Amino acid sequence: MEISEKLLCLFSAEIEEADDRYVVEIPRREIDTGSIEPNETYRVALINGENGTVETEANAADIPSDEPQPPVEEGEIRYVEIEDLGKQGDGIARVERGYVIIVPGAEVGERVKVEVAEVKSNFAVGEIIE
């Protein structure tokens, strides 16, 4: 499944019945991290998960459920724009929720195709493949 770079947050939730409507609760952490704002309008996509879980290639047990998961996975291919240089001269790209991908050998302003080589909770390292 391909996920848009416009994705602001991703979480699992149950649909609850409330009188004549149905409600999906947004976890407070999504507001606290600045991913989304109260009283704004957003488009919502629902993904069916058997028994309330969504299958992914990543092992969900590796990441605590109360913290936002990185928006990239190891081995994923992305086109990113280099916005800045890090202290050691590596290119810095930002994707969903401001998550950083460090791209060695990239220059500010370049749009490069990278393969995500390493994923940490607050940044990833990507290798230029094109």
Protein backbone atom coordinates (compact mmCIF):
# COMPACT_ATOMS: atom_id res chain seq x y z
CA MET A 1 0.00 0.00 0.00
CA GLU A 2 1.32 3.46 -0.89
CA ILE A 3 0.83 6.18 1.71
CA SER A 4 0.79 9.86 0.73
CA GLU A 5 3.52 12.20 1.97
CA LYS A 6 0.62 14.40 3.16
CA LEU A 7 -0.06 11.90 5.98
CA LEU A 8 -0.12 13.85 9.25
CA CYS A 9 -0.63 11.03 11.73
CA LEU A 10 -1.41 7.34 11.94
CA PHE A 11 -3.06 5.56 14.86
CA SER A 12 -5.50 2.77 15.58
CA ALA A 13 -8.93 3.52 17.03
CA GLU A 14 -12.31 1.91 17.48
CA ILE A 15 -15.47 3.45 16.07
CA GLU A 16 -17.87 4.13 18.93
CA GLU A 17 -21.59 4.67 18.67
CA ALA A 18 -22.89 7.85 20.33
CA ASP A 19 -26.64 8.47 19.94
CA ASP A 20 -27.29 8.97 16.20
CA ARG A 21 -23.63 9.26 15.14
CA TYR A 22 -20.34 7.36 15.26
CA VAL A 23 -17.14 8.70 16.82
CA VAL A 24 -13.43 8.04 16.28
CA GLU A 25 -11.29 9.46 19.08
CA ILE A 26 -8.01 11.15 18.19
CA PRO A 27 -5.22 10.35 20.69
CA ARG A 28 -4.04 13.42 22.65
CA ARG A 29 -0.44 12.75 21.58
CA GLU A 30 -1.37 13.69 17.99
CA ILE A 31 -2.45 17.13 19.20
CA ASP A 32 0.50 17.43 21.61
CA THR A 33 3.06 16.67 18.87
CA GLY A 34 1.51 19.33 16.66
CA SER A 35 0.55 16.88 13.92
CA ILE A 36 -3.02 18.14 13.91
CA GLU A 37 -4.94 21.01 15.50
CA PRO A 38 -8.32 21.05 17.25
CA ASN A 39 -11.20 22.73 15.38
CA GLU A 40 -9.61 22.15 11.96
CA THR A 41 -11.00 20.00 9.15
CA TYR A 42 -9.06 16.95 7.92
CA ARG A 43 -9.66 14.17 5.41
CA VAL A 44 -9.84 10.75 7.04
CA ALA A 45 -8.88 7.39 5.53
CA LEU A 46 -9.89 4.14 7.20
CA ILE A 47 -7.88 0.94 6.79
CA ASN A 48 -9.53 -2.32 7.77
CA GLY A 49 -7.58 -4.23 10.38
CA GLU A 50 -8.54 -7.80 11.22
CA ASN A 51 -9.27 -8.09 14.95
CA GLY A 52 -8.51 -4.39 15.39
CA THR A 53 -4.92 -4.59 14.10
CA VAL A 54 -3.36 -3.33 10.91
CA GLU A 55 -0.66 -5.51 9.38
CA THR A 56 2.62 -3.75 8.63
CA GLU A 57 6.10 -4.90 7.77
CA ALA A 58 7.46 -3.25 10.90
CA ASN A 59 7.23 -5.06 14.21
CA ALA A 60 4.81 -2.95 16.24
CA ALA A 61 6.12 -4.52 19.46
CA ASP A 62 9.44 -2.71 18.89
CA ILE A 63 7.83 0.72 19.33
CA PRO A 64 5.81 1.71 22.43
CA SER A 65 2.17 2.25 21.45
CA ASP A 66 1.87 5.53 23.39
CA GLU A 67 4.48 7.24 21.17
CA PRO A 68 4.06 8.20 17.51
CA GLN A 69 5.69 5.70 15.18
CA PRO A 70 8.27 6.84 12.63
CA PRO A 71 6.55 7.62 9.30
CA VAL A 72 9.14 5.59 7.35
CA GLU A 73 10.26 1.96 7.33
CA GLU A 74 13.64 0.41 6.66
CA GLY A 75 13.99 -0.42 2.97
CA GLU A 76 11.33 2.11 1.93
CA ILE A 77 12.06 4.20 -1.18
CA ARG A 78 11.24 7.93 -1.00
CA TYR A 79 11.76 11.08 -2.99
CA VAL A 80 12.81 13.83 -0.57
CA GLU A 81 13.92 17.43 -0.85
CA ILE A 82 17.04 18.42 1.07
CA GLU A 83 16.15 21.46 3.19
CA ASP A 84 19.26 21.92 5.30
CA LEU A 85 22.71 20.54 6.14
CA GLY A 86 23.55 18.88 9.43
CA LYS A 87 26.59 19.74 11.54
CA GLN A 88 28.65 17.08 9.74
CA GLY A 89 27.56 18.20 6.25
CA ASP A 90 24.88 15.58 5.67
CA GLY A 91 21.68 16.56 3.88
CA ILE A 92 18.56 16.95 6.04
CA ALA A 93 15.07 16.25 4.67
CA ARG A 94 11.83 16.46 6.62
CA VAL A 95 8.77 14.32 5.95
CA GLU A 96 5.50 13.83 7.83
CA ARG A 97 5.27 15.52 11.26
CA GLY A 98 8.73 17.05 10.73
CA TYR A 99 10.43 13.63 10.98
CA VAL A 100 14.06 13.95 9.81
CA ILE A 101 15.80 11.81 7.21
CA ILE A 102 19.58 12.31 7.12
CA VAL A 103 21.01 11.88 3.62
CA PRO A 104 24.83 11.75 3.41
CA GLY A 105 26.23 13.33 0.25
CA ALA A 106 23.15 15.43 -0.54
CA GLU A 107 23.11 19.21 -1.03
CA VAL A 108 20.50 21.80 -0.01
CA GLY A 109 17.79 22.18 -2.67
CA GLU A 110 18.36 18.76 -4.23
CA ARG A 111 15.41 16.40 -4.71
CA VAL A 112 16.80 12.88 -4.38
CA LYS A 113 15.50 9.33 -4.43
CA VAL A 114 16.63 7.56 -1.26
CA GLU A 115 16.32 4.13 0.29
CA VAL A 116 15.77 4.27 4.04
CA ALA A 117 18.69 2.32 5.51
CA GLU A 118 18.15 2.87 9.24
CA VAL A 119 15.13 3.99 11.29
CA LYS A 120 15.26 5.44 14.80
CA SER A 121 12.43 6.94 16.85
CA ASN A 122 13.32 10.53 15.95
CA PHE A 123 15.28 10.27 12.67
CA ALA A 124 16.20 7.95 9.81
CA VAL A 125 19.21 7.62 7.52
CA GLY A 126 18.63 7.40 3.78
CA GLU A 127 21.05 6.42 1.04
CA ILE A 128 20.83 8.14 -2.35
CA ILE A 129 19.90 5.62 -5.04
CA GLU A 130 19.19 8.04 -7.89
